[in-house]
Amino acid sequence: MAWPGGDSVDFHRAQPGKRGWKGKDHWHHNDEKKHYEPGDEIEVEPSCAPSGADPKRVLRRLQGPTMDELRLREESHRQMERFWGKILVGSIIGGGVIIGGPAVIPPLLRVAPRIPVIAAP
């Protein structure tokens, strides 16, 4: 697992029947060969900790979007899909009117409510 500050932790589960470190739960810090047991603490860069906090006790979160940001992104994608769907349908209708002339308008008006992009609010 890697953190934005560049630190990484690699956890290795104990393998039943193995001797030495392979038979024990352990972890490595920054791809070093040194083995740490669960519960061991390490020094972290002071620049990673907020001012006034003990750098060893700082919880690090993976940087990623929050649930609100994901929800807003999803809503934005839905709105773009509706928008471009309407542009596509409008282009098809406009092209049909230009090619077929005014005689195409009444059949298009009968079909238009059945097109989901236009019928959706």
PDB file of N, CA and C in Angstrom:
ATOM      1  N   MET A   1       0.852  -1.156   0.000  1.00  0.00           N
ATOM      2  CA  MET A   1       0.000   0.000   0.000  1.00  0.00           C
ATOM      3  C   MET A   1       0.907   1.230   0.000  1.00  0.00           C
ATOM      4  N   ALA A   2       0.631   2.181  -0.897  1.00  0.00           N
ATOM      5  CA  ALA A   2       1.466   3.380  -0.994  1.00  0.00           C
ATOM      6  C   ALA A   2       0.657   4.609  -0.600  1.00  0.00           C
ATOM      7  N   TRP A   3       1.319   5.556   0.041  1.00  0.00           N
ATOM      8  CA  TRP A   3       0.703   6.814   0.433  1.00  0.00           C
ATOM      9  C   TRP A   3       1.217   7.930  -0.447  1.00  0.00           C
ATOM     10  N   PRO A   4       0.482   9.046  -0.519  1.00  0.00           N
ATOM     11  CA  PRO A   4       0.889  10.158  -1.372  1.00  0.00           C
ATOM     12  C   PRO A   4       2.272  10.714  -1.041  1.00  0.00           C
ATOM     13  N   GLY A   5       2.692  10.619   0.226  1.00  0.00           N
ATOM     14  CA  GLY A   5       3.998  11.147   0.606  1.00  0.00           C
ATOM     15  C   GLY A   5       5.155  10.311   0.093  1.00  0.00           C
ATOM     16  N   GLY A   6       4.862   9.162  -0.511  1.00  0.00           N
ATOM     17  CA  GLY A   6       5.917   8.319  -1.040  1.00  0.00           C
ATOM     18  C   GLY A   6       6.196   7.093  -0.194  1.00  0.00           C
ATOM     19  N   ASP A   7       5.680   7.062   1.060  1.00  0.00           N
ATOM     20  CA  ASP A   7       5.880   5.892   1.907  1.00  0.00           C
ATOM     21  C   ASP A   7       5.045   4.737   1.383  1.00  0.00           C
ATOM     22  N   SER A   8       5.542   3.519   1.597  1.00  0.00           N
ATOM     23  CA  SER A   8       4.761   2.347   1.228  1.00  0.00           C
ATOM     24  C   SER A   8       4.927   1.286   2.310  1.00  0.00           C
ATOM     25  N   VAL A   9       3.879   0.485   2.477  1.00  0.00           N
ATOM     26  CA  VAL A   9       3.886  -0.606   3.437  1.00  0.00           C
ATOM     27  C   VAL A   9       3.465  -1.858   2.691  1.00  0.00           C
ATOM     28  N   ASP A  10       4.235  -2.918   2.866  1.00  0.00           N
ATOM     29  CA  ASP A  10       3.950  -4.189   2.204  1.00  0.00           C
ATOM     30  C   ASP A  10       3.738  -5.237   3.293  1.00  0.00           C
ATOM     31  N   PHE A  11       2.488  -5.717   3.443  1.00  0.00           N
ATOM     32  CA  PHE A  11       2.159  -6.683   4.488  1.00  0.00           C
ATOM     33  C   PHE A  11       2.245  -8.104   3.942  1.00  0.00           C
ATOM     34  N   HIS A  12       2.837  -9.000   4.734  1.00  0.00           N
ATOM     35  CA  HIS A  12       2.956 -10.405   4.357  1.00  0.00           C
ATOM     36  C   HIS A  12       2.286 -11.253   5.438  1.00  0.00           C
ATOM     37  N   ARG A  13       1.274 -12.029   5.051  1.00  0.00           N
ATOM     38  CA  ARG A  13       0.590 -12.937   5.987  1.00  0.00           C
ATOM     39  C   ARG A  13       1.452 -14.157   6.263  1.00  0.00           C
ATOM     40  N   ALA A  14       1.287 -14.686   7.473  1.00  0.00           N
ATOM     41  CA  ALA A  14       2.012 -15.901   7.841  1.00  0.00           C
ATOM     42  C   ALA A  14       1.566 -17.062   6.955  1.00  0.00           C
ATOM     43  N   GLN A  15       2.520 -17.873   6.545  1.00  0.00           N
ATOM     44  CA  GLN A  15       2.227 -19.063   5.751  1.00  0.00           C
ATOM     45  C   GLN A  15       2.341 -20.272   6.687  1.00  0.00           C
ATOM     46  N   PRO A  16       1.235 -20.982   6.902  1.00  0.00           N
ATOM     47  CA  PRO A  16       1.268 -22.122   7.839  1.00  0.00           C
ATOM     48  C   PRO A  16       2.345 -23.135   7.454  1.00  0.00           C
ATOM     49  N   GLY A  17       3.068 -23.587   8.481  1.00  0.00           N
ATOM     50  CA  GLY A  17       4.091 -24.611   8.260  1.00  0.00           C
ATOM     51  C   GLY A  17       5.448 -24.061   7.876  1.00  0.00           C
ATOM     52  N   LYS A  18       5.545 -22.764   7.591  1.00  0.00           N
ATOM     53  CA  LYS A  18       6.840 -22.178   7.212  1.00  0.00           C
ATOM     54  C   LYS A  18       7.583 -21.728   8.465  1.00  0.00           C
ATOM     55  N   ARG A  19       8.906 -21.704   8.366  1.00  0.00           N
ATOM     56  CA  ARG A  19       9.737 -21.288   9.493  1.00  0.00           C
ATOM     57  C   ARG A  19      10.217 -19.866   9.274  1.00  0.00           C
ATOM     58  N   GLY A  20      10.632 -19.239  10.343  1.00  0.00           N
ATOM     59  CA  GLY A  20      11.166 -17.884  10.267  1.00  0.00           C
ATOM     60  C   GLY A  20      10.072 -16.860   9.979  1.00  0.00           C
ATOM     61  N   TRP A  21      10.458 -15.789   9.263  1.00  0.00           N
ATOM     62  CA  TRP A  21       9.512 -14.707   8.991  1.00  0.00           C
ATOM     63  C   TRP A  21       8.377 -15.146   8.075  1.00  0.00           C
ATOM     64  N   LYS A  22       8.593 -16.153   7.252  1.00  0.00           N
ATOM     65  CA  LYS A  22       7.507 -16.617   6.380  1.00  0.00           C
ATOM     66  C   LYS A  22       6.369 -17.234   7.180  1.00  0.00           C
ATOM     67  N   GLY A  23       6.655 -17.726   8.362  1.00  0.00           N
ATOM     68  CA  GLY A  23       5.639 -18.318   9.217  1.00  0.00           C
ATOM     69  C   GLY A  23       4.983 -17.326  10.156  1.00  0.00           C
ATOM     70  N   LYS A  24       5.350 -16.030  10.078  1.00  0.00           N
ATOM     71  CA  LYS A  24       4.786 -14.998  10.962  1.00  0.00           C
ATOM     72  C   LYS A  24       4.211 -13.863  10.124  1.00  0.00           C
ATOM     73  N   ASP A  25       3.132 -13.251  10.647  1.00  0.00           N
ATOM     74  CA  ASP A  25       2.653 -12.016  10.026  1.00  0.00           C
ATOM     75  C   ASP A  25       3.738 -10.963  10.201  1.00  0.00           C
ATOM     76  N   HIS A  26       4.031 -10.228   9.134  1.00  0.00           N
ATOM     77  CA  HIS A  26       5.019  -9.153   9.225  1.00  0.00           C
ATOM     78  C   HIS A  26       4.816  -8.169   8.077  1.00  0.00           C
ATOM     79  N   TRP A  27       5.522  -7.042   8.147  1.00  0.00           N
ATOM     80  CA  TRP A  27       5.420  -6.039   7.096  1.00  0.00           C
ATOM     81  C   TRP A  27       6.761  -5.359   6.873  1.00  0.00           C
ATOM     82  N   HIS A  28       6.883  -4.724   5.704  1.00  0.00           N
ATOM     83  CA  HIS A  28       8.093  -3.999   5.321  1.00  0.00           C
ATOM     84  C   HIS A  28       7.708  -2.557   5.029  1.00  0.00           C
ATOM     85  N   HIS A  29       8.625  -1.646   5.286  1.00  0.00           N
ATOM     86  CA  HIS A  29       8.401  -0.228   5.017  1.00  0.00           C
ATOM     87  C   HIS A  29       9.306   0.215   3.872  1.00  0.00           C
ATOM     88  N   ASN A  30       8.713   0.833   2.854  1.00  0.00           N
ATOM     89  CA  ASN A  30       9.461   1.360   1.698  1.00  0.00           C
ATOM     90  C   ASN A  30      10.372   0.314   1.051  1.00  0.00           C
ATOM     91  N   ASP A  31       9.875  -0.894   0.885  1.00  0.00           N
ATOM     92  CA  ASP A  31      10.598  -1.983   0.229  1.00  0.00           C
ATOM     93  C   ASP A  31      11.945  -2.301   0.875  1.00  0.00           C
ATOM     94  N   GLU A  32      12.080  -1.987   2.165  1.00  0.00           N
ATOM     95  CA  GLU A  32      13.309  -2.343   2.881  1.00  0.00           C
ATOM     96  C   GLU A  32      13.275  -3.826   3.228  1.00  0.00           C
ATOM     97  N   LYS A  33      14.435  -4.400   3.511  1.00  0.00           N
ATOM     98  CA  LYS A  33      14.520  -5.811   3.883  1.00  0.00           C
ATOM     99  C   LYS A  33      14.143  -6.040   5.344  1.00  0.00           C
ATOM    100  N   LYS A  34      14.148  -4.968   6.157  1.00  0.00           N
ATOM    101  CA  LYS A  34      13.851  -5.098   7.581  1.00  0.00           C
ATOM    102  C   LYS A  34      12.413  -5.552   7.778  1.00  0.00           C
ATOM    103  N   HIS A  35      12.210  -6.498   8.721  1.00  0.00           N
ATOM    104  CA  HIS A  35      10.890  -7.034   9.027  1.00  0.00           C
ATOM    105  C   HIS A  35      10.331  -6.322  10.254  1.00  0.00           C
ATOM    106  N   TYR A  36       9.038  -5.996  10.199  1.00  0.00           N
ATOM    107  CA  TYR A  36       8.327  -5.408  11.331  1.00  0.00           C
ATOM    108  C   TYR A  36       7.173  -6.324  11.698  1.00  0.00           C
ATOM    109  N   GLU A  37       6.955  -6.499  12.988  1.00  0.00           N
ATOM    110  CA  GLU A  37       5.835  -7.301  13.452  1.00  0.00           C
ATOM    111  C   GLU A  37       4.589  -6.420  13.530  1.00  0.00           C
ATOM    112  N   PRO A  38       3.385  -7.012  13.457  1.00  0.00           N
ATOM    113  CA  PRO A  38       2.177  -6.216  13.638  1.00  0.00           C
ATOM    114  C   PRO A  38       2.232  -5.478  14.973  1.00  0.00           C
ATOM    115  N   GLY A  39       1.904  -4.206  14.949  1.00  0.00           N
ATOM    116  CA  GLY A  39       1.957  -3.371  16.151  1.00  0.00           C
ATOM    117  C   GLY A  39       3.218  -2.538  16.253  1.00  0.00           C
ATOM    118  N   ASP A  40       4.272  -2.879  15.482  1.00  0.00           N
ATOM    119  CA  ASP A  40       5.491  -2.071  15.493  1.00  0.00           C
ATOM    120  C   ASP A  40       5.194  -0.702  14.895  1.00  0.00           C
ATOM    121  N   GLU A  41       5.908   0.307  15.387  1.00  0.00           N
ATOM    122  CA  GLU A  41       5.742   1.660  14.869  1.00  0.00           C
ATOM    123  C   GLU A  41       7.032   2.094  14.195  1.00  0.00           C
ATOM    124  N   ILE A  42       6.900   3.012  13.242  1.00  0.00           N
ATOM    125  CA  ILE A  42       8.063   3.534  12.532  1.00  0.00           C
ATOM    126  C   ILE A  42       8.001   5.056  12.530  1.00  0.00           C
ATOM    127  N   GLU A  43       9.106   5.673  12.281  1.00  0.00           N
ATOM    128  CA  GLU A  43       9.162   7.128  12.147  1.00  0.00           C
ATOM    129  C   GLU A  43       8.661   7.500  10.759  1.00  0.00           C
ATOM    130  N   VAL A  44       7.901   8.567  10.678  1.00  0.00           N
ATOM    131  CA  VAL A  44       7.468   9.080   9.386  1.00  0.00           C
ATOM    132  C   VAL A  44       8.052  10.462   9.198  1.00  0.00           C
ATOM    133  N   GLU A  45       8.070  10.908   7.969  1.00  0.00           N
ATOM    134  CA  GLU A  45       8.598  12.234   7.679  1.00  0.00           C
ATOM    135  C   GLU A  45       7.761  13.284   8.401  1.00  0.00           C
ATOM    136  N   PRO A  46       8.400  14.218   9.113  1.00  0.00           N
ATOM    137  CA  PRO A  46       7.638  15.265   9.804  1.00  0.00           C
ATOM    138  C   PRO A  46       6.812  16.118   8.838  1.00  0.00           C
ATOM    139  N   SER A  47       7.248  16.227   7.601  1.00  0.00           N
ATOM    140  CA  SER A  47       6.517  17.050   6.639  1.00  0.00           C
ATOM    141  C   SER A  47       5.137  16.464   6.330  1.00  0.00           C
ATOM    142  N   CYS A  48       4.941  15.163   6.625  1.00  0.00           N
ATOM    143  CA  CYS A  48       3.661  14.509   6.358  1.00  0.00           C
ATOM    144  C   CYS A  48       2.639  14.805   7.445  1.00  0.00           C
ATOM    145  N   ALA A  49       3.105  15.200   8.618  1.00  0.00           N
ATOM    146  CA  ALA A  49       2.204  15.393   9.755  1.00  0.00           C
ATOM    147  C   ALA A  49       1.744  16.847   9.842  1.00  0.00           C
ATOM    148  N   PRO A  50       0.510  17.080  10.288  1.00  0.00           N
ATOM    149  CA  PRO A  50       0.053  18.444  10.497  1.00  0.00           C
ATOM    150  C   PRO A  50       0.856  19.086  11.621  1.00  0.00           C
ATOM    151  N   SER A  51       0.921  20.403  11.629  1.00  0.00           N
ATOM    152  CA  SER A  51       1.711  21.095  12.650  1.00  0.00           C
ATOM    153  C   SER A  51       1.127  20.798  14.031  1.00  0.00           C
ATOM    154  N   GLY A  52       2.002  20.540  14.982  1.00  0.00           N
ATOM    155  CA  GLY A  52       1.597  20.276  16.354  1.00  0.00           C
ATOM    156  C   GLY A  52       1.220  18.824  16.619  1.00  0.00           C
ATOM    157  N   ALA A  53       1.181  17.987  15.608  1.00  0.00           N
ATOM    158  CA  ALA A  53       0.797  16.581  15.793  1.00  0.00           C
ATOM    159  C   ALA A  53       2.044  15.719  15.932  1.00  0.00           C
ATOM    160  N   ASP A  54       1.900  14.631  16.646  1.00  0.00           N
ATOM    161  CA  ASP A  54       2.988  13.670  16.771  1.00  0.00           C
ATOM    162  C   ASP A  54       3.051  12.883  15.456  1.00  0.00           C
ATOM    163  N   PRO A  55       4.151  13.002  14.696  1.00  0.00           N
ATOM    164  CA  PRO A  55       4.225  12.353  13.382  1.00  0.00           C
ATOM    165  C   PRO A  55       4.004  10.842  13.438  1.00  0.00           C
ATOM    166  N   LYS A  56       4.339  10.196  14.576  1.00  0.00           N
ATOM    167  CA  LYS A  56       4.164   8.754  14.678  1.00  0.00           C
ATOM    168  C   LYS A  56       2.696   8.363  14.830  1.00  0.00           C
ATOM    169  N   ARG A  57       1.871   9.287  15.283  1.00  0.00           N
ATOM    170  CA  ARG A  57       0.471   8.980  15.566  1.00  0.00           C
ATOM    171  C   ARG A  57      -0.493   9.482  14.488  1.00  0.00           C
ATOM    172  N   VAL A  58       0.041  10.004  13.390  1.00  0.00           N
ATOM    173  CA  VAL A  58      -0.808  10.564  12.342  1.00  0.00           C
ATOM    174  C   VAL A  58      -1.399   9.438  11.504  1.00  0.00           C
ATOM    175  N   LEU A  59      -2.716   9.455  11.339  1.00  0.00           N
ATOM    176  CA  LEU A  59      -3.363   8.502  10.447  1.00  0.00           C
ATOM    177  C   LEU A  59      -3.279   9.044   9.039  1.00  0.00           C
ATOM    178  N   ARG A  60      -2.875   8.226   8.135  1.00  0.00           N
ATOM    179  CA  ARG A  60      -2.778   8.672   6.746  1.00  0.00           C
ATOM    180  C   ARG A  60      -3.920   8.074   5.955  1.00  0.00           C
ATOM    181  N   ARG A  61      -4.592   8.918   5.202  1.00  0.00           N
ATOM    182  CA  ARG A  61      -5.675   8.453   4.340  1.00  0.00           C
ATOM    183  C   ARG A  61      -5.186   8.423   2.911  1.00  0.00           C
ATOM    184  N   LEU A  62      -5.688   7.480   2.168  1.00  0.00           N
ATOM    185  CA  LEU A  62      -5.382   7.469   0.750  1.00  0.00           C
ATOM    186  C   LEU A  62      -6.097   8.646   0.107  1.00  0.00           C
ATOM    187  N   GLN A  63      -5.409   9.341  -0.767  1.00  0.00           N
ATOM    188  CA  GLN A  63      -6.025  10.469  -1.452  1.00  0.00           C
ATOM    189  C   GLN A  63      -6.954   9.943  -2.525  1.00  0.00           C
ATOM    190  N   GLY A  64      -8.194  10.297  -2.449  1.00  0.00           N
ATOM    191  CA  GLY A  64      -9.168   9.868  -3.434  1.00  0.00           C
ATOM    192  C   GLY A  64     -10.405  10.733  -3.308  1.00  0.00           C
ATOM    193  N   PRO A  65     -11.308  10.620  -4.244  1.00  0.00           N
ATOM    194  CA  PRO A  65     -12.512  11.442  -4.178  1.00  0.00           C
ATOM    195  C   PRO A  65     -13.423  11.002  -3.035  1.00  0.00           C
ATOM    196  N   THR A  66     -14.123  11.967  -2.439  1.00  0.00           N
ATOM    197  CA  THR A  66     -15.091  11.661  -1.396  1.00  0.00           C
ATOM    198  C   THR A  66     -16.363  11.134  -2.043  1.00  0.00           C
ATOM    199  N   MET A  67     -17.287  10.643  -1.231  1.00  0.00           N
ATOM    200  CA  MET A  67     -18.548  10.124  -1.755  1.00  0.00           C
ATOM    201  C   MET A  67     -19.347  11.238  -2.440  1.00  0.00           C
ATOM    202  N   ASP A  68     -19.299  12.460  -1.885  1.00  0.00           N
ATOM    203  CA  ASP A  68     -20.009  13.575  -2.524  1.00  0.00           C
ATOM    204  C   ASP A  68     -19.414  13.887  -3.893  1.00  0.00           C
ATOM    205  N   GLU A  69     -18.088  13.862  -3.989  1.00  0.00           N
ATOM    206  CA  GLU A  69     -17.452  14.123  -5.280  1.00  0.00           C
ATOM    207  C   GLU A  69     -17.819  13.049  -6.298  1.00  0.00           C
ATOM    208  N   LEU A  70     -17.882  11.799  -5.871  1.00  0.00           N
ATOM    209  CA  LEU A  70     -18.278  10.718  -6.779  1.00  0.00           C
ATOM    210  C   LEU A  70     -19.732  10.878  -7.218  1.00  0.00           C
ATOM    211  N   ARG A  71     -20.609  11.266  -6.277  1.00  0.00           N
ATOM    212  CA  ARG A  71     -22.015  11.464  -6.611  1.00  0.00           C
ATOM    213  C   ARG A  71     -22.177  12.610  -7.601  1.00  0.00           C
ATOM    214  N   LEU A  72     -21.460  13.714  -7.370  1.00  0.00           N
ATOM    215  CA  LEU A  72     -21.536  14.857  -8.283  1.00  0.00           C
ATOM    216  C   LEU A  72     -20.987  14.500  -9.659  1.00  0.00           C
ATOM    217  N   ARG A  73     -19.926  13.710  -9.698  1.00  0.00           N
ATOM    218  CA  ARG A  73     -19.354  13.293 -10.983  1.00  0.00           C
ATOM    219  C   ARG A  73     -20.352  12.428 -11.748  1.00  0.00           C
ATOM    220  N   GLU A  74     -21.029  11.525 -11.025  1.00  0.00           N
ATOM    221  CA  GLU A  74     -22.022  10.665 -11.661  1.00  0.00           C
ATOM    222  C   GLU A  74     -23.185  11.492 -12.204  1.00  0.00           C
ATOM    223  N   GLU A  75     -23.653  12.461 -11.412  1.00  0.00           N
ATOM    224  CA  GLU A  75     -24.751  13.324 -11.870  1.00  0.00           C
ATOM    225  C   GLU A  75     -24.332  14.144 -13.086  1.00  0.00           C
ATOM    226  N   SER A  76     -23.116  14.630 -13.084  1.00  0.00           N
ATOM    227  CA  SER A  76     -22.605  15.393 -14.226  1.00  0.00           C
ATOM    228  C   SER A  76     -22.578  14.531 -15.482  1.00  0.00           C
ATOM    229  N   HIS A  77     -22.166  13.282 -15.338  1.00  0.00           N
ATOM    230  CA  HIS A  77     -22.120  12.376 -16.497  1.00  0.00           C
ATOM    231  C   HIS A  77     -23.527  12.107 -17.028  1.00  0.00           C
ATOM    232  N   ARG A  78     -24.487  11.950 -16.101  1.00  0.00           N
ATOM    233  CA  ARG A  78     -25.876  11.733 -16.536  1.00  0.00           C
ATOM    234  C   ARG A  78     -26.389  12.941 -17.324  1.00  0.00           C
ATOM    235  N   GLN A  79     -26.115  14.131 -16.808  1.00  0.00           N
ATOM    236  CA  GLN A  79     -26.582  15.343 -17.488  1.00  0.00           C
ATOM    237  C   GLN A  79     -25.924  15.489 -18.861  1.00  0.00           C
ATOM    238  N   MET A  80     -24.632  15.173 -18.960  1.00  0.00           N
ATOM    239  CA  MET A  80     -23.962  15.242 -20.262  1.00  0.00           C
ATOM    240  C   MET A  80     -24.552  14.229 -21.233  1.00  0.00           C
ATOM    241  N   GLU A  81     -24.887  13.040 -20.727  1.00  0.00           N
ATOM    242  CA  GLU A  81     -25.483  12.019 -21.589  1.00  0.00           C
ATOM    243  C   GLU A  81     -26.826  12.504 -22.134  1.00  0.00           C
ATOM    244  N   ARG A  82     -27.655  13.109 -21.253  1.00  0.00           N
ATOM    245  CA  ARG A  82     -28.941  13.637 -21.719  1.00  0.00           C
ATOM    246  C   ARG A  82     -28.739  14.756 -22.744  1.00  0.00           C
ATOM    247  N   PHE A  83     -27.820  15.661 -22.442  1.00  0.00           N
ATOM    248  CA  PHE A  83     -27.559  16.797 -23.335  1.00  0.00           C
ATOM    249  C   PHE A  83     -27.142  16.321 -24.724  1.00  0.00           C
ATOM    250  N   TRP A  84     -26.133  15.427 -24.780  1.00  0.00           N
ATOM    251  CA  TRP A  84     -25.645  14.976 -26.081  1.00  0.00           C
ATOM    252  C   TRP A  84     -26.663  14.094 -26.789  1.00  0.00           C
ATOM    253  N   GLY A  85     -27.497  13.382 -26.024  1.00  0.00           N
ATOM    254  CA  GLY A  85     -28.585  12.619 -26.641  1.00  0.00           C
ATOM    255  C   GLY A  85     -29.577  13.543 -27.333  1.00  0.00           C
ATOM    256  N   LYS A  86     -29.900  14.660 -26.672  1.00  0.00           N
ATOM    257  CA  LYS A  86     -30.820  15.627 -27.284  1.00  0.00           C
ATOM    258  C   LYS A  86     -30.196  16.260 -28.529  1.00  0.00           C
ATOM    259  N   ILE A  87     -28.912  16.544 -28.472  1.00  0.00           N
ATOM    260  CA  ILE A  87     -28.224  17.106 -29.645  1.00  0.00           C
ATOM    261  C   ILE A  87     -28.291  16.107 -30.804  1.00  0.00           C
ATOM    262  N   LEU A  88     -28.037  14.829 -30.511  1.00  0.00           N
ATOM    263  CA  LEU A  88     -28.080  13.802 -31.553  1.00  0.00           C
ATOM    264  C   LEU A  88     -29.476  13.700 -32.169  1.00  0.00           C
ATOM    265  N   VAL A  89     -30.495  13.602 -31.321  1.00  0.00           N
ATOM    266  CA  VAL A  89     -31.864  13.485 -31.828  1.00  0.00           C
ATOM    267  C   VAL A  89     -32.253  14.740 -32.595  1.00  0.00           C
ATOM    268  N   GLY A  90     -31.883  15.902 -32.087  1.00  0.00           N
ATOM    269  CA  GLY A  90     -32.183  17.156 -32.802  1.00  0.00           C
ATOM    270  C   GLY A  90     -31.508  17.212 -34.160  1.00  0.00           C
ATOM    271  N   SER A  91     -30.293  16.711 -34.225  1.00  0.00           N
ATOM    272  CA  SER A  91     -29.583  16.692 -35.510  1.00  0.00           C
ATOM    273  C   SER A  91     -30.257  15.760 -36.500  1.00  0.00           C
ATOM    274  N   ILE A  92     -30.710  14.612 -36.011  1.00  0.00           N
ATOM    275  CA  ILE A  92     -31.404  13.661 -36.892  1.00  0.00           C
ATOM    276  C   ILE A  92     -32.709  14.266 -37.389  1.00  0.00           C
ATOM    277  N   ILE A  93     -33.472  14.899 -36.481  1.00  0.00           N
ATOM    278  CA  ILE A  93     -34.736  15.525 -36.878  1.00  0.00           C
ATOM    279  C   ILE A  93     -34.468  16.678 -37.848  1.00  0.00           C
ATOM    280  N   GLY A  94     -33.487  17.510 -37.528  1.00  0.00           N
ATOM    281  CA  GLY A  94     -33.147  18.635 -38.419  1.00  0.00           C
ATOM    282  C   GLY A  94     -32.709  18.154 -39.787  1.00  0.00           C
ATOM    283  N   GLY A  95     -31.889  17.108 -39.819  1.00  0.00           N
ATOM    284  CA  GLY A  95     -31.456  16.552 -41.103  1.00  0.00           C
ATOM    285  C   GLY A  95     -32.626  15.986 -41.882  1.00  0.00           C
ATOM    286  N   GLY A  96     -33.570  15.318 -41.177  1.00  0.00           N
ATOM    287  CA  GLY A  96     -34.753  14.774 -41.849  1.00  0.00           C
ATOM    288  C   GLY A  96     -35.619  15.861 -42.442  1.00  0.00           C
ATOM    289  N   VAL A  97     -35.778  16.978 -41.728  1.00  0.00           N
ATOM    290  CA  VAL A  97     -36.588  18.090 -42.239  1.00  0.00           C
ATOM    291  C   VAL A  97     -35.909  18.733 -43.443  1.00  0.00           C
ATOM    292  N   ILE A  98     -34.593  18.893 -43.360  1.00  0.00           N
ATOM    293  CA  ILE A  98     -33.878  19.516 -44.480  1.00  0.00           C
ATOM    294  C   ILE A  98     -33.938  18.619 -45.715  1.00  0.00           C
ATOM    295  N   ILE A  99     -33.723  17.322 -45.537  1.00  0.00           N
ATOM    296  CA  ILE A  99     -33.729  16.404 -46.678  1.00  0.00           C
ATOM    297  C   ILE A  99     -35.153  16.119 -47.167  1.00  0.00           C
ATOM    298  N   GLY A 100     -36.085  15.855 -46.244  1.00  0.00           N
ATOM    299  CA  GLY A 100     -37.436  15.458 -46.631  1.00  0.00           C
ATOM    300  C   GLY A 100     -38.396  16.622 -46.820  1.00  0.00           C
ATOM    301  N   GLY A 101     -38.021  17.798 -46.360  1.00  0.00           N
ATOM    302  CA  GLY A 101     -38.896  18.956 -46.491  1.00  0.00           C
ATOM    303  C   GLY A 101     -39.979  18.962 -45.421  1.00  0.00           C
ATOM    304  N   PRO A 102     -40.911  19.911 -45.521  1.00  0.00           N
ATOM    305  CA  PRO A 102     -41.954  20.061 -44.507  1.00  0.00           C
ATOM    306  C   PRO A 102     -42.871  18.847 -44.374  1.00  0.00           C
ATOM    307  N   ALA A 103     -42.933  17.982 -45.359  1.00  0.00           N
ATOM    308  CA  ALA A 103     -43.808  16.811 -45.284  1.00  0.00           C
ATOM    309  C   ALA A 103     -43.349  15.828 -44.206  1.00  0.00           C
ATOM    310  N   VAL A 104     -42.113  15.918 -43.739  1.00  0.00           N
ATOM    311  CA  VAL A 104     -41.561  14.995 -42.741  1.00  0.00           C
ATOM    312  C   VAL A 104     -41.965  15.413 -41.321  1.00  0.00           C
ATOM    313  N   ILE A 105     -42.347  16.672 -41.111  1.00  0.00           N
ATOM    314  CA  ILE A 105     -42.620  17.187 -39.757  1.00  0.00           C
ATOM    315  C   ILE A 105     -43.751  16.423 -39.058  1.00  0.00           C
ATOM    316  N   PRO A 106     -44.944  16.206 -39.655  1.00  0.00           N
ATOM    317  CA  PRO A 106     -46.010  15.495 -38.920  1.00  0.00           C
ATOM    318  C   PRO A 106     -45.611  14.088 -38.461  1.00  0.00           C
ATOM    319  N   PRO A 107     -44.973  13.257 -39.303  1.00  0.00           N
ATOM    320  CA  PRO A 107     -44.570  11.930 -38.788  1.00  0.00           C
ATOM    321  C   PRO A 107     -43.530  12.032 -37.669  1.00  0.00           C
ATOM    322  N   LEU A 108     -42.633  13.010 -37.750  1.00  0.00           N
ATOM    323  CA  LEU A 108     -41.627  13.180 -36.701  1.00  0.00           C
ATOM    324  C   LEU A 108     -42.283  13.568 -35.384  1.00  0.00           C
ATOM    325  N   LEU A 109     -43.299  14.411 -35.424  1.00  0.00           N
ATOM    326  CA  LEU A 109     -43.983  14.817 -34.201  1.00  0.00           C
ATOM    327  C   LEU A 109     -44.732  13.639 -33.563  1.00  0.00           C
ATOM    328  N   ARG A 110     -45.192  12.682 -34.350  1.00  0.00           N
ATOM    329  CA  ARG A 110     -45.855  11.508 -33.802  1.00  0.00           C
ATOM    330  C   ARG A 110     -44.839  10.561 -33.148  1.00  0.00           C
ATOM    331  N   VAL A 111     -43.640  10.490 -33.687  1.00  0.00           N
ATOM    332  CA  VAL A 111     -42.604   9.574 -33.187  1.00  0.00           C
ATOM    333  C   VAL A 111     -41.817  10.189 -32.024  1.00  0.00           C
ATOM    334  N   ALA A 112     -41.668  11.501 -31.995  1.00  0.00           N
ATOM    335  CA  ALA A 112     -40.808  12.176 -31.014  1.00  0.00           C
ATOM    336  C   ALA A 112     -41.129  11.841 -29.560  1.00  0.00           C
ATOM    337  N   PRO A 113     -42.393  11.761 -29.115  1.00  0.00           N
ATOM    338  CA  PRO A 113     -42.639  11.429 -27.696  1.00  0.00           C
ATOM    339  C   PRO A 113     -42.166  10.037 -27.302  1.00  0.00           C
ATOM    340  N   ARG A 114     -42.001   9.134 -28.244  1.00  0.00           N
ATOM    341  CA  ARG A 114     -41.533   7.780 -27.931  1.00  0.00           C
ATOM    342  C   ARG A 114     -40.009   7.709 -27.812  1.00  0.00           C
ATOM    343  N   ILE A 115     -39.311   8.754 -28.199  1.00  0.00           N
ATOM    344  CA  ILE A 115     -37.853   8.760 -28.096  1.00  0.00           C
ATOM    345  C   ILE A 115     -37.497   9.115 -26.661  1.00  0.00           C
ATOM    346  N   PRO A 116     -36.787   8.230 -25.920  1.00  0.00           N
ATOM    347  CA  PRO A 116     -36.539   8.433 -24.493  1.00  0.00           C
ATOM    348  C   PRO A 116     -35.775   9.717 -24.179  1.00  0.00           C
ATOM    349  N   VAL A 117     -34.899  10.141 -25.068  1.00  0.00           N
ATOM    350  CA  VAL A 117     -34.091  11.333 -24.792  1.00  0.00           C
ATOM    351  C   VAL A 117     -34.984  12.571 -24.742  1.00  0.00           C
ATOM    352  N   ILE A 118     -35.966  12.654 -25.599  1.00  0.00           N
ATOM    353  CA  ILE A 118     -36.841  13.813 -25.628  1.00  0.00           C
ATOM    354  C   ILE A 118     -37.902  13.719 -24.537  1.00  0.00           C
ATOM    355  N   ALA A 119     -38.403  12.521 -24.268  1.00  0.00           N
ATOM    356  CA  ALA A 119     -39.460  12.343 -23.275  1.00  0.00           C
ATOM    357  C   ALA A 119     -38.956  12.515 -21.852  1.00  0.00           C
ATOM    358  N   ALA A 120     -37.653  12.288 -21.586  1.00  0.00           N
ATOM    359  CA  ALA A 120     -37.123  12.404 -20.221  1.00  0.00           C
ATOM    360  C   ALA A 120     -37.118  13.859 -19.760  1.00  0.00           C
ATOM    361  N   PRO A 121     -37.468  14.110 -18.484  1.00  0.00           N
ATOM    362  CA  PRO A 121     -37.469  15.500 -17.970  1.00  0.00           C
ATOM    363  C   PRO A 121     -36.069  16.023 -17.790  1.00  0.00           C
TER     364      PRO A 121
END
